[in-house]
Amino acid sequence: QLQLVESGGGLVQSGGHLRLSCQVSGDTVDNQAIGWFRQAPGKEREMVSCIRSDDGSKYLPNSVQGRFTISADNAKNTVYLQMNGLKPEDTAVYYCAARLGFPYCAGAELTDPREYANWGPGTQVTVSP
């Protein structure tokens, strides 16, 4: 069974950087669409990136473009989220998950969390002013 576990969160100052990791087990990462989401207290879960590494397709919303980068190491079966220029509004619990049914970073429902399963437990990112 596919399992995903996040790591790499922490406390950083505004302008700092972090690299989150999503370790995938139970299947190879290269034929999955792996999404990174975040959820701040009182807010809905929102997508911050997606990758399908066998065709190189990626998605990043405007809110993080130019600051966040998503990549995958197929040998390690791990997806990374490099976050630079962090802002206090990036504070949230960050999750990774695999897209069900349509394993691509495309389509009208790409950013809908209900399209995803096998959620990891999350990793907290806190950015201080």
Foldseek 3Di string as FASTA:
>chain_A
DKAWAKDWADEEAQQAKIKMKIAIPDDFQQQWWKWKWWDDPPDDIWTAKIARNVVGDMDGDPVQPPFWDWDDDRVRSMIMIIGGRDDQVVWTWMKMWTFPPDRDCDDPCNTPCVRTDNIHPTDTHGYHD
